[in-house]
């Protein structure tokens, strides 16, 4: 099966993923629906799970009070757990690349 490659788009970073995570936590159903659609597209791109990991560990996007958006960290944790379960296996379609897996193993 195909691993997460550049063919799925350029690598993502926290600047790409964090606004989608925050948007998915808003009260506006239309914004939430759009955010989840974009997250679904992003989850097969390289760097997505590394960006989620950075958000989960509160290493990125701390606000001026020294905290993440209220629910961003929780959403990132859930998305990371579900995505790793779905895309970690070698035979998973659009699976996480070996390079990204090595980064995540090192960070964990």
PDB file of N, CA and C in Angstrom:
ATOM      1  N   UNK A   1       0.825  -1.181   0.000  1.00  0.00           N
ATOM      2  CA  UNK A   1       0.000   0.000   0.000  1.00  0.00           C
ATOM      3  C   UNK A   1       0.874   1.252   0.000  1.00  0.00           C
ATOM      4  N   UNK A   2       0.280   2.366  -0.311  1.00  0.00           N
ATOM      5  CA  UNK A   2       1.004   3.618  -0.459  1.00  0.00           C
ATOM      6  C   UNK A   2       1.250   4.273   0.885  1.00  0.00           C
ATOM      7  N   UNK A   3       2.485   4.673   1.116  1.00  0.00           N
ATOM      8  CA  UNK A   3       2.822   5.402   2.335  1.00  0.00           C
ATOM      9  C   UNK A   3       2.553   6.883   2.117  1.00  0.00           C
ATOM     10  N   UNK A   4       2.539   7.614   3.204  1.00  0.00           N
ATOM     11  CA  UNK A   4       2.350   9.057   3.179  1.00  0.00           C
ATOM     12  C   UNK A   4       3.516   9.684   2.422  1.00  0.00           C
ATOM     13  N   UNK A   5       3.324  10.145   1.210  1.00  0.00           N
ATOM     14  CA  UNK A   5       4.403  10.686   0.394  1.00  0.00           C
ATOM     15  C   UNK A   5       4.077  12.074  -0.079  1.00  0.00           C
ATOM     16  N   UNK A   6       5.058  12.689  -0.722  1.00  0.00           N
ATOM     17  CA  UNK A   6       4.856  14.030  -1.261  1.00  0.00           C
ATOM     18  C   UNK A   6       3.754  14.047  -2.310  1.00  0.00           C
ATOM     19  N   UNK A   7       3.431  12.889  -2.885  1.00  0.00           N
ATOM     20  CA  UNK A   7       2.355  12.812  -3.871  1.00  0.00           C
ATOM     21  C   UNK A   7       1.020  13.190  -3.237  1.00  0.00           C
ATOM     22  N   UNK A   8       0.931  13.089  -1.926  1.00  0.00           N
ATOM     23  CA  UNK A   8      -0.294  13.454  -1.211  1.00  0.00           C
ATOM     24  C   UNK A   8      -0.307  14.933  -0.840  1.00  0.00           C
ATOM     25  N   UNK A   9       0.667  15.687  -1.292  1.00  0.00           N
ATOM     26  CA  UNK A   9       0.761  17.105  -1.001  1.00  0.00           C
ATOM     27  C   UNK A   9       2.028  17.413  -0.235  1.00  0.00           C
ATOM     28  N   UNK A  10       2.341  18.696  -0.114  1.00  0.00           N
ATOM     29  CA  UNK A  10       3.551  19.080   0.620  1.00  0.00           C
ATOM     30  C   UNK A  10       3.412  18.760   2.104  1.00  0.00           C
ATOM     31  N   UNK A  11       4.527  18.574   2.797  1.00  0.00           N
ATOM     32  CA  UNK A  11       4.472  18.273   4.230  1.00  0.00           C
ATOM     33  C   UNK A  11       3.764  19.374   5.013  1.00  0.00           C
ATOM     34  N   UNK A  12       3.043  18.961   6.026  1.00  0.00           N
ATOM     35  CA  UNK A  12       2.329  19.894   6.895  1.00  0.00           C
ATOM     36  C   UNK A  12       3.164  20.191   8.132  1.00  0.00           C
ATOM     37  N   UNK A  13       2.854  21.301   8.772  1.00  0.00           N
ATOM     38  CA  UNK A  13       3.473  21.622  10.052  1.00  0.00           C
ATOM     39  C   UNK A  13       2.390  22.150  10.986  1.00  0.00           C
ATOM     40  N   UNK A  14       2.777  22.538  12.179  1.00  0.00           N
ATOM     41  CA  UNK A  14       1.783  22.977  13.155  1.00  0.00           C
ATOM     42  C   UNK A  14       1.026  24.222  12.690  1.00  0.00           C
ATOM     43  N   UNK A  15       1.673  25.084  11.905  1.00  0.00           N
ATOM     44  CA  UNK A  15       1.000  26.281  11.397  1.00  0.00           C
ATOM     45  C   UNK A  15      -0.148  25.927  10.463  1.00  0.00           C
ATOM     46  N   UNK A  16      -0.045  24.774   9.801  1.00  0.00           N
ATOM     47  CA  UNK A  16      -1.109  24.308   8.920  1.00  0.00           C
ATOM     48  C   UNK A  16      -2.232  23.622   9.695  1.00  0.00           C
ATOM     49  N   UNK A  17      -1.875  22.853  10.704  1.00  0.00           N
ATOM     50  CA  UNK A  17      -2.829  21.987  11.394  1.00  0.00           C
ATOM     51  C   UNK A  17      -3.555  22.689  12.540  1.00  0.00           C
ATOM     52  N   UNK A  18      -2.857  23.526  13.297  1.00  0.00           N
ATOM     53  CA  UNK A  18      -3.464  24.139  14.476  1.00  0.00           C
ATOM     54  C   UNK A  18      -4.742  24.911  14.178  1.00  0.00           C
ATOM     55  N   UNK A  19      -4.800  25.745  13.137  1.00  0.00           N
ATOM     56  CA  UNK A  19      -6.061  26.461  12.868  1.00  0.00           C
ATOM     57  C   UNK A  19      -7.230  25.517  12.571  1.00  0.00           C
ATOM     58  N   UNK A  20      -6.946  24.382  11.955  1.00  0.00           N
ATOM     59  CA  UNK A  20      -8.007  23.404  11.689  1.00  0.00           C
ATOM     60  C   UNK A  20      -8.509  22.778  12.978  1.00  0.00           C
ATOM     61  N   UNK A  21      -7.590  22.501  13.895  1.00  0.00           N
ATOM     62  CA  UNK A  21      -7.959  21.938  15.201  1.00  0.00           C
ATOM     63  C   UNK A  21      -8.824  22.934  15.977  1.00  0.00           C
ATOM     64  N   UNK A  22      -8.405  24.191  15.994  1.00  0.00           N
ATOM     65  CA  UNK A  22      -9.169  25.223  16.702  1.00  0.00           C
ATOM     66  C   UNK A  22     -10.545  25.395  16.062  1.00  0.00           C
ATOM     67  N   UNK A  23     -10.596  25.423  14.734  1.00  0.00           N
ATOM     68  CA  UNK A  23     -11.877  25.592  14.033  1.00  0.00           C
ATOM     69  C   UNK A  23     -12.824  24.431  14.322  1.00  0.00           C
ATOM     70  N   UNK A  24     -12.269  23.239  14.521  1.00  0.00           N
ATOM     71  CA  UNK A  24     -13.125  22.082  14.802  1.00  0.00           C
ATOM     72  C   UNK A  24     -13.753  22.147  16.189  1.00  0.00           C
ATOM     73  N   UNK A  25     -13.297  23.081  17.016  1.00  0.00           N
ATOM     74  CA  UNK A  25     -13.825  23.217  18.381  1.00  0.00           C
ATOM     75  C   UNK A  25     -14.777  24.403  18.530  1.00  0.00           C
ATOM     76  N   UNK A  26     -15.112  25.060  17.443  1.00  0.00           N
ATOM     77  CA  UNK A  26     -15.991  26.230  17.538  1.00  0.00           C
ATOM     78  C   UNK A  26     -17.448  25.809  17.708  1.00  0.00           C
ATOM     79  N   UNK A  27     -18.295  26.780  17.959  1.00  0.00           N
ATOM     80  CA  UNK A  27     -19.723  26.521  18.136  1.00  0.00           C
ATOM     81  C   UNK A  27     -20.498  26.553  16.816  1.00  0.00           C
ATOM     82  N   UNK A  28     -19.894  27.072  15.767  1.00  0.00           N
ATOM     83  CA  UNK A  28     -20.546  27.195  14.462  1.00  0.00           C
ATOM     84  C   UNK A  28     -20.454  25.868  13.706  1.00  0.00           C
ATOM     85  N   UNK A  29     -21.586  25.230  13.480  1.00  0.00           N
ATOM     86  CA  UNK A  29     -21.622  23.912  12.842  1.00  0.00           C
ATOM     87  C   UNK A  29     -21.014  23.922  11.444  1.00  0.00           C
ATOM     88  N   UNK A  30     -21.201  25.004  10.708  1.00  0.00           N
ATOM     89  CA  UNK A  30     -20.625  25.086   9.362  1.00  0.00           C
ATOM     90  C   UNK A  30     -19.108  25.119   9.408  1.00  0.00           C
ATOM     91  N   UNK A  31     -18.557  25.879  10.348  1.00  0.00           N
ATOM     92  CA  UNK A  31     -17.105  25.968  10.504  1.00  0.00           C
ATOM     93  C   UNK A  31     -16.551  24.614  10.928  1.00  0.00           C
ATOM     94  N   UNK A  32     -17.234  23.954  11.850  1.00  0.00           N
ATOM     95  CA  UNK A  32     -16.800  22.637  12.325  1.00  0.00           C
ATOM     96  C   UNK A  32     -16.796  21.633  11.177  1.00  0.00           C
ATOM     97  N   UNK A  33     -17.848  21.635  10.387  1.00  0.00           N
ATOM     98  CA  UNK A  33     -17.948  20.708   9.260  1.00  0.00           C
ATOM     99  C   UNK A  33     -16.817  20.947   8.257  1.00  0.00           C
ATOM    100  N   UNK A  34     -16.533  22.200   7.942  1.00  0.00           N
ATOM    101  CA  UNK A  34     -15.441  22.521   7.020  1.00  0.00           C
ATOM    102  C   UNK A  34     -14.094  22.107   7.602  1.00  0.00           C
ATOM    103  N   UNK A  35     -13.905  22.360   8.904  1.00  0.00           N
ATOM    104  CA  UNK A  35     -12.640  22.005   9.556  1.00  0.00           C
ATOM    105  C   UNK A  35     -12.415  20.500   9.525  1.00  0.00           C
ATOM    106  N   UNK A  36     -13.454  19.723   9.829  1.00  0.00           N
ATOM    107  CA  UNK A  36     -13.291  18.274   9.814  1.00  0.00           C
ATOM    108  C   UNK A  36     -13.029  17.752   8.408  1.00  0.00           C
ATOM    109  N   UNK A  37     -13.628  18.376   7.410  1.00  0.00           N
ATOM    110  CA  UNK A  37     -13.352  17.993   6.029  1.00  0.00           C
ATOM    111  C   UNK A  37     -11.897  18.242   5.669  1.00  0.00           C
ATOM    112  N   UNK A  38     -11.373  19.396   6.091  1.00  0.00           N
ATOM    113  CA  UNK A  38      -9.966  19.716   5.822  1.00  0.00           C
ATOM    114  C   UNK A  38      -9.026  18.830   6.631  1.00  0.00           C
ATOM    115  N   UNK A  39      -9.406  18.494   7.868  1.00  0.00           N
ATOM    116  CA  UNK A  39      -8.589  17.576   8.671  1.00  0.00           C
ATOM    117  C   UNK A  39      -8.543  16.201   8.025  1.00  0.00           C
ATOM    118  N   UNK A  40      -9.669  15.751   7.494  1.00  0.00           N
ATOM    119  CA  UNK A  40      -9.730  14.451   6.819  1.00  0.00           C
ATOM    120  C   UNK A  40      -8.776  14.422   5.624  1.00  0.00           C
ATOM    121  N   UNK A  41      -8.730  15.516   4.878  1.00  0.00           N
ATOM    122  CA  UNK A  41      -7.808  15.603   3.746  1.00  0.00           C
ATOM    123  C   UNK A  41      -6.358  15.673   4.233  1.00  0.00           C
ATOM    124  N   UNK A  42      -6.124  16.376   5.318  1.00  0.00           N
ATOM    125  CA  UNK A  42      -4.771  16.583   5.833  1.00  0.00           C
ATOM    126  C   UNK A  42      -4.177  15.330   6.456  1.00  0.00           C
ATOM    127  N   UNK A  43      -5.010  14.451   6.974  1.00  0.00           N
ATOM    128  CA  UNK A  43      -4.476  13.307   7.735  1.00  0.00           C
ATOM    129  C   UNK A  43      -3.645  12.350   6.884  1.00  0.00           C
ATOM    130  N   UNK A  44      -3.740  12.418   5.572  1.00  0.00           N
ATOM    131  CA  UNK A  44      -2.927  11.540   4.728  1.00  0.00           C
ATOM    132  C   UNK A  44      -1.687  12.249   4.182  1.00  0.00           C
ATOM    133  N   UNK A  45      -1.473  13.484   4.611  1.00  0.00           N
ATOM    134  CA  UNK A  45      -0.298  14.221   4.144  1.00  0.00           C
ATOM    135  C   UNK A  45       0.864  14.059   5.117  1.00  0.00           C
ATOM    136  N   UNK A  46       2.082  14.074   4.586  1.00  0.00           N
ATOM    137  CA  UNK A  46       3.248  13.956   5.459  1.00  0.00           C
ATOM    138  C   UNK A  46       3.301  15.103   6.469  1.00  0.00           C
ATOM    139  N   UNK A  47       3.742  14.799   7.663  1.00  0.00           N
ATOM    140  CA  UNK A  47       3.896  15.792   8.705  1.00  0.00           C
ATOM    141  C   UNK A  47       2.666  16.016   9.567  1.00  0.00           C
ATOM    142  N   UNK A  48       1.515  15.481   9.153  1.00  0.00           N
ATOM    143  CA  UNK A  48       0.280  15.724   9.891  1.00  0.00           C
ATOM    144  C   UNK A  48       0.365  15.206  11.324  1.00  0.00           C
ATOM    145  N   UNK A  49       0.812  13.980  11.500  1.00  0.00           N
ATOM    146  CA  UNK A  49       0.841  13.398  12.845  1.00  0.00           C
ATOM    147  C   UNK A  49       1.940  14.001  13.702  1.00  0.00           C
ATOM    148  N   UNK A  50       3.027  14.429  13.080  1.00  0.00           N
ATOM    149  CA  UNK A  50       4.068  15.134  13.823  1.00  0.00           C
ATOM    150  C   UNK A  50       3.537  16.474  14.319  1.00  0.00           C
ATOM    151  N   UNK A  51       2.761  17.170  13.480  1.00  0.00           N
ATOM    152  CA  UNK A  51       2.155  18.442  13.889  1.00  0.00           C
ATOM    153  C   UNK A  51       1.168  18.222  15.034  1.00  0.00           C
ATOM    154  N   UNK A  52       0.346  17.166  14.933  1.00  0.00           N
ATOM    155  CA  UNK A  52      -0.578  16.850  16.031  1.00  0.00           C
ATOM    156  C   UNK A  52       0.190  16.577  17.323  1.00  0.00           C
ATOM    157  N   UNK A  53       1.292  15.845  17.202  1.00  0.00           N
ATOM    158  CA  UNK A  53       2.101  15.533  18.373  1.00  0.00           C
ATOM    159  C   UNK A  53       2.615  16.815  19.031  1.00  0.00           C
ATOM    160  N   UNK A  54       3.078  17.753  18.220  1.00  0.00           N
ATOM    161  CA  UNK A  54       3.565  19.027  18.757  1.00  0.00           C
ATOM    162  C   UNK A  54       2.442  19.772  19.493  1.00  0.00           C
ATOM    163  N   UNK A  55       1.260  19.746  18.924  1.00  0.00           N
ATOM    164  CA  UNK A  55       0.109  20.411  19.572  1.00  0.00           C
ATOM    165  C   UNK A  55      -0.251  19.679  20.860  1.00  0.00           C
ATOM    166  N   UNK A  56      -0.274  18.350  20.830  1.00  0.00           N
ATOM    167  CA  UNK A  56      -0.604  17.565  22.031  1.00  0.00           C
ATOM    168  C   UNK A  56       0.353  17.848  23.173  1.00  0.00           C
ATOM    169  N   UNK A  57       1.607  18.013  22.824  1.00  0.00           N
ATOM    170  CA  UNK A  57       2.636  18.219  23.848  1.00  0.00           C
ATOM    171  C   UNK A  57       2.758  19.686  24.243  1.00  0.00           C
ATOM    172  N   UNK A  58       1.854  20.491  23.749  1.00  0.00           N
ATOM    173  CA  UNK A  58       1.828  21.922  24.049  1.00  0.00           C
ATOM    174  C   UNK A  58       3.139  22.608  23.685  1.00  0.00           C
ATOM    175  N   UNK A  59       3.752  22.149  22.596  1.00  0.00           N
ATOM    176  CA  UNK A  59       4.995  22.778  22.152  1.00  0.00           C
ATOM    177  C   UNK A  59       4.730  23.869  21.120  1.00  0.00           C
ATOM    178  N   UNK A  60       3.504  23.946  20.668  1.00  0.00           N
ATOM    179  CA  UNK A  60       3.199  24.894  19.599  1.00  0.00           C
ATOM    180  C   UNK A  60       1.956  25.695  19.945  1.00  0.00           C
ATOM    181  N   UNK A  61       1.949  26.914  19.520  1.00  0.00           N
ATOM    182  CA  UNK A  61       0.763  27.766  19.575  1.00  0.00           C
ATOM    183  C   UNK A  61       0.221  27.990  20.977  1.00  0.00           C
ATOM    184  N   UNK A  62       1.085  28.400  21.840  1.00  0.00           N
ATOM    185  CA  UNK A  62       0.673  28.796  23.186  1.00  0.00           C
ATOM    186  C   UNK A  62       0.165  30.232  23.091  1.00  0.00           C
ATOM    187  N   UNK A  63      -0.989  30.506  23.688  1.00  0.00           N
ATOM    188  CA  UNK A  63      -1.544  31.860  23.612  1.00  0.00           C
ATOM    189  C   UNK A  63      -0.832  32.788  24.599  1.00  0.00           C
ATOM    190  N   UNK A  64      -1.273  34.039  24.663  1.00  0.00           N
ATOM    191  CA  UNK A  64      -0.576  35.006  25.516  1.00  0.00           C
ATOM    192  C   UNK A  64      -0.748  34.726  27.008  1.00  0.00           C
ATOM    193  N   UNK A  65      -1.655  33.822  27.377  1.00  0.00           N
ATOM    194  CA  UNK A  65      -1.768  33.403  28.780  1.00  0.00           C
ATOM    195  C   UNK A  65      -0.945  32.134  29.053  1.00  0.00           C
ATOM    196  N   UNK A  66      -0.194  31.681  28.054  1.00  0.00           N
ATOM    197  CA  UNK A  66       0.651  30.511  28.242  1.00  0.00           C
ATOM    198  C   UNK A  66      -0.086  29.196  28.084  1.00  0.00           C
ATOM    199  N   UNK A  67      -1.242  29.212  27.405  1.00  0.00           N
ATOM    200  CA  UNK A  67      -2.030  27.993  27.240  1.00  0.00           C
ATOM    201  C   UNK A  67      -2.463  27.836  25.783  1.00  0.00           C
ATOM    202  N   UNK A  68      -2.778  26.616  25.422  1.00  0.00           N
ATOM    203  CA  UNK A  68      -3.372  26.350  24.124  1.00  0.00           C
ATOM    204  C   UNK A  68      -4.837  26.763  24.143  1.00  0.00           C
ATOM    205  N   UNK A  69      -5.434  26.864  22.977  1.00  0.00           N
ATOM    206  CA  UNK A  69      -6.883  27.052  22.880  1.00  0.00           C
ATOM    207  C   UNK A  69      -7.529  25.989  23.764  1.00  0.00           C
ATOM    208  N   UNK A  70      -8.641  26.308  24.398  1.00  0.00           N
ATOM    209  CA  UNK A  70      -9.265  25.449  25.396  1.00  0.00           C
ATOM    210  C   UNK A  70      -9.303  23.964  25.031  1.00  0.00           C
ATOM    211  N   UNK A  71      -9.751  23.641  23.833  1.00  0.00           N
ATOM    212  CA  UNK A  71      -9.936  22.238  23.489  1.00  0.00           C
ATOM    213  C   UNK A  71      -8.945  21.720  22.445  1.00  0.00           C
ATOM    214  N   UNK A  72      -8.034  22.551  21.993  1.00  0.00           N
ATOM    215  CA  UNK A  72      -7.132  22.154  20.912  1.00  0.00           C
ATOM    216  C   UNK A  72      -6.282  20.930  21.287  1.00  0.00           C
ATOM    217  N   UNK A  73      -5.753  20.939  22.484  1.00  0.00           N
ATOM    218  CA  UNK A  73      -4.894  19.820  22.894  1.00  0.00           C
ATOM    219  C   UNK A  73      -5.688  18.525  22.971  1.00  0.00           C
ATOM    220  N   UNK A  74      -6.887  18.581  23.523  1.00  0.00           N
ATOM    221  CA  UNK A  74      -7.718  17.376  23.630  1.00  0.00           C
ATOM    222  C   UNK A  74      -8.098  16.838  22.256  1.00  0.00           C
ATOM    223  N   UNK A  75      -8.473  17.716  21.354  1.00  0.00           N
ATOM    224  CA  UNK A  75      -8.837  17.290  20.002  1.00  0.00           C
ATOM    225  C   UNK A  75      -7.628  16.697  19.291  1.00  0.00           C
ATOM    226  N   UNK A  76      -6.468  17.327  19.455  1.00  0.00           N
ATOM    227  CA  UNK A  76      -5.242  16.809  18.835  1.00  0.00           C
ATOM    228  C   UNK A  76      -4.919  15.411  19.365  1.00  0.00           C
ATOM    229  N   UNK A  77      -5.085  15.189  20.650  1.00  0.00           N
ATOM    230  CA  UNK A  77      -4.810  13.879  21.250  1.00  0.00           C
ATOM    231  C   UNK A  77      -5.729  12.819  20.656  1.00  0.00           C
ATOM    232  N   UNK A  78      -7.003  13.126  20.575  1.00  0.00           N
ATOM    233  CA  UNK A  78      -7.966  12.153  20.036  1.00  0.00           C
ATOM    234  C   UNK A  78      -7.693  11.878  18.566  1.00  0.00           C
ATOM    235  N   UNK A  79      -7.440  12.936  17.804  1.00  0.00           N
ATOM    236  CA  UNK A  79      -7.163  12.771  16.376  1.00  0.00           C
ATOM    237  C   UNK A  79      -5.881  11.962  16.176  1.00  0.00           C
ATOM    238  N   UNK A  80      -4.858  12.225  16.988  1.00  0.00           N
ATOM    239  CA  UNK A  80      -3.588  11.495  16.908  1.00  0.00           C
ATOM    240  C   UNK A  80      -3.810  10.013  17.196  1.00  0.00           C
ATOM    241  N   UNK A  81      -4.501   9.722  18.293  1.00  0.00           N
ATOM    242  CA  UNK A  81      -4.742   8.328  18.673  1.00  0.00           C
ATOM    243  C   UNK A  81      -5.495   7.580  17.578  1.00  0.00           C
ATOM    244  N   UNK A  82      -6.576   8.170  17.094  1.00  0.00           N
ATOM    245  CA  UNK A  82      -7.372   7.500  16.064  1.00  0.00           C
ATOM    246  C   UNK A  82      -6.603   7.357  14.758  1.00  0.00           C
ATOM    247  N   UNK A  83      -5.855   8.374  14.395  1.00  0.00           N
ATOM    248  CA  UNK A  83      -5.098   8.330  13.144  1.00  0.00           C
ATOM    249  C   UNK A  83      -3.961   7.339  13.185  1.00  0.00           C
ATOM    250  N   UNK A  84      -3.242   7.291  14.304  1.00  0.00           N
ATOM    251  CA  UNK A  84      -2.150   6.328  14.425  1.00  0.00           C
ATOM    252  C   UNK A  84      -2.716   4.914  14.350  1.00  0.00           C
ATOM    253  N   UNK A  85      -3.847   4.695  14.991  1.00  0.00           N
ATOM    254  CA  UNK A  85      -4.491   3.389  14.927  1.00  0.00           C
ATOM    255  C   UNK A  85      -4.846   3.026  13.485  1.00  0.00           C
ATOM    256  N   UNK A  86      -5.277   3.988  12.719  1.00  0.00           N
ATOM    257  CA  UNK A  86      -5.731   3.764  11.348  1.00  0.00           C
ATOM    258  C   UNK A  86      -4.577   3.705  10.344  1.00  0.00           C
ATOM    259  N   UNK A  87      -3.532   4.533  10.505  1.00  0.00           N
ATOM    260  CA  UNK A  87      -2.517   4.698   9.469  1.00  0.00           C
ATOM    261  C   UNK A  87      -1.119   4.174   9.806  1.00  0.00           C
ATOM    262  N   UNK A  88      -0.900   3.609  10.987  1.00  0.00           N
ATOM    263  CA  UNK A  88       0.445   3.178  11.380  1.00  0.00           C
ATOM    264  C   UNK A  88       0.873   1.901  10.662  1.00  0.00           C
ATOM    265  N   UNK A  89      -0.034   1.028  10.422  1.00  0.00           N
ATOM    266  CA  UNK A  89       0.303  -0.274   9.832  1.00  0.00           C
ATOM    267  C   UNK A  89       0.910  -0.121   8.447  1.00  0.00           C
ATOM    268  N   UNK A  90       1.876  -1.007   8.117  1.00  0.00           N
ATOM    269  CA  UNK A  90       2.548  -0.948   6.818  1.00  0.00           C
ATOM    270  C   UNK A  90       1.582  -1.110   5.660  1.00  0.00           C
ATOM    271  N   UNK A  91       0.537  -1.860   5.851  1.00  0.00           N
ATOM    272  CA  UNK A  91      -0.407  -2.117   4.769  1.00  0.00           C
ATOM    273  C   UNK A  91      -1.542  -1.103   4.698  1.00  0.00           C
ATOM    274  N   UNK A  92      -1.528  -0.138   5.570  1.00  0.00           N
ATOM    275  CA  UNK A  92      -2.593   0.871   5.587  1.00  0.00           C
ATOM    276  C   UNK A  92      -2.498   1.736   4.333  1.00  0.00           C
ATOM    277  N   UNK A  93      -3.634   1.971   3.736  1.00  0.00           N
ATOM    278  CA  UNK A  93      -3.659   2.852   2.577  1.00  0.00           C
ATOM    279  C   UNK A  93      -3.311   4.264   3.044  1.00  0.00           C
ATOM    280  N   UNK A  94      -2.402   4.920   2.335  1.00  0.00           N
ATOM    281  CA  UNK A  94      -1.926   6.261   2.709  1.00  0.00           C
ATOM    282  C   UNK A  94      -1.337   6.271   4.113  1.00  0.00           C
ATOM    283  N   UNK A  95      -0.649   5.193   4.474  1.00  0.00           N
ATOM    284  CA  UNK A  95      -0.087   5.063   5.812  1.00  0.00           C
ATOM    285  C   UNK A  95       0.973   6.100   6.123  1.00  0.00           C
ATOM    286  N   UNK A  96       1.287   6.220   7.394  1.00  0.00           N
ATOM    287  CA  UNK A  96       2.315   7.139   7.861  1.00  0.00           C
ATOM    288  C   UNK A  96       3.657   6.643   7.336  1.00  0.00           C
ATOM    289  N   UNK A  97       4.461   7.545   6.795  1.00  0.00           N
ATOM    290  CA  UNK A  97       5.758   7.167   6.230  1.00  0.00           C
ATOM    291  C   UNK A  97       6.697   6.653   7.324  1.00  0.00           C
ATOM    292  N   UNK A  98       7.669   5.857   6.923  1.00  0.00           N
ATOM    293  CA  UNK A  98       8.657   5.352   7.885  1.00  0.00           C
ATOM    294  C   UNK A  98       9.430   6.496   8.511  1.00  0.00           C
ATOM    295  N   UNK A  99       9.710   7.531   7.735  1.00  0.00           N
ATOM    296  CA  UNK A  99      10.432   8.691   8.259  1.00  0.00           C
ATOM    297  C   UNK A  99       9.633   9.375   9.372  1.00  0.00           C
ATOM    298  N   UNK A 100       8.343   9.572   9.145  1.00  0.00           N
ATOM    299  CA  UNK A 100       7.515  10.214  10.176  1.00  0.00           C
ATOM    300  C   UNK A 100       7.360   9.296  11.386  1.00  0.00           C
ATOM    301  N   UNK A 101       7.254   7.989  11.154  1.00  0.00           N
ATOM    302  CA  UNK A 101       7.174   7.038  12.267  1.00  0.00           C
ATOM    303  C   UNK A 101       8.421   7.134  13.137  1.00  0.00           C
ATOM    304  N   UNK A 102       9.599   7.247  12.504  1.00  0.00           N
ATOM    305  CA  UNK A 102      10.845   7.363  13.272  1.00  0.00           C
ATOM    306  C   UNK A 102      10.843   8.618  14.130  1.00  0.00           C
ATOM    307  N   UNK A 103      10.354   9.708  13.568  1.00  0.00           N
ATOM    308  CA  UNK A 103      10.283  10.958  14.342  1.00  0.00           C
ATOM    309  C   UNK A 103       9.365  10.786  15.540  1.00  0.00           C
ATOM    310  N   UNK A 104       8.215  10.197  15.306  1.00  0.00           N
ATOM    311  CA  UNK A 104       7.244  10.006  16.396  1.00  0.00           C
ATOM    312  C   UNK A 104       7.763   9.046  17.454  1.00  0.00           C
ATOM    313  N   UNK A 105       8.412   7.968  17.036  1.00  0.00           N
ATOM    314  CA  UNK A 105       8.995   7.024  18.013  1.00  0.00           C
ATOM    315  C   UNK A 105      10.027   7.740  18.879  1.00  0.00           C
ATOM    316  N   UNK A 106      10.866   8.545  18.245  1.00  0.00           N
ATOM    317  CA  UNK A 106      11.896   9.264  18.986  1.00  0.00           C
ATOM    318  C   UNK A 106      11.260  10.223  19.999  1.00  0.00           C
ATOM    319  N   UNK A 107      10.229  10.935  19.561  1.00  0.00           N
ATOM    320  CA  UNK A 107       9.574  11.909  20.438  1.00  0.00           C
ATOM    321  C   UNK A 107       8.800  11.247  21.579  1.00  0.00           C
ATOM    322  N   UNK A 108       8.238  10.074  21.307  1.00  0.00           N
ATOM    323  CA  UNK A 108       7.495   9.382  22.351  1.00  0.00           C
ATOM    324  C   UNK A 108       8.443   8.806  23.373  1.00  0.00           C
TER     325      UNK A 108
END
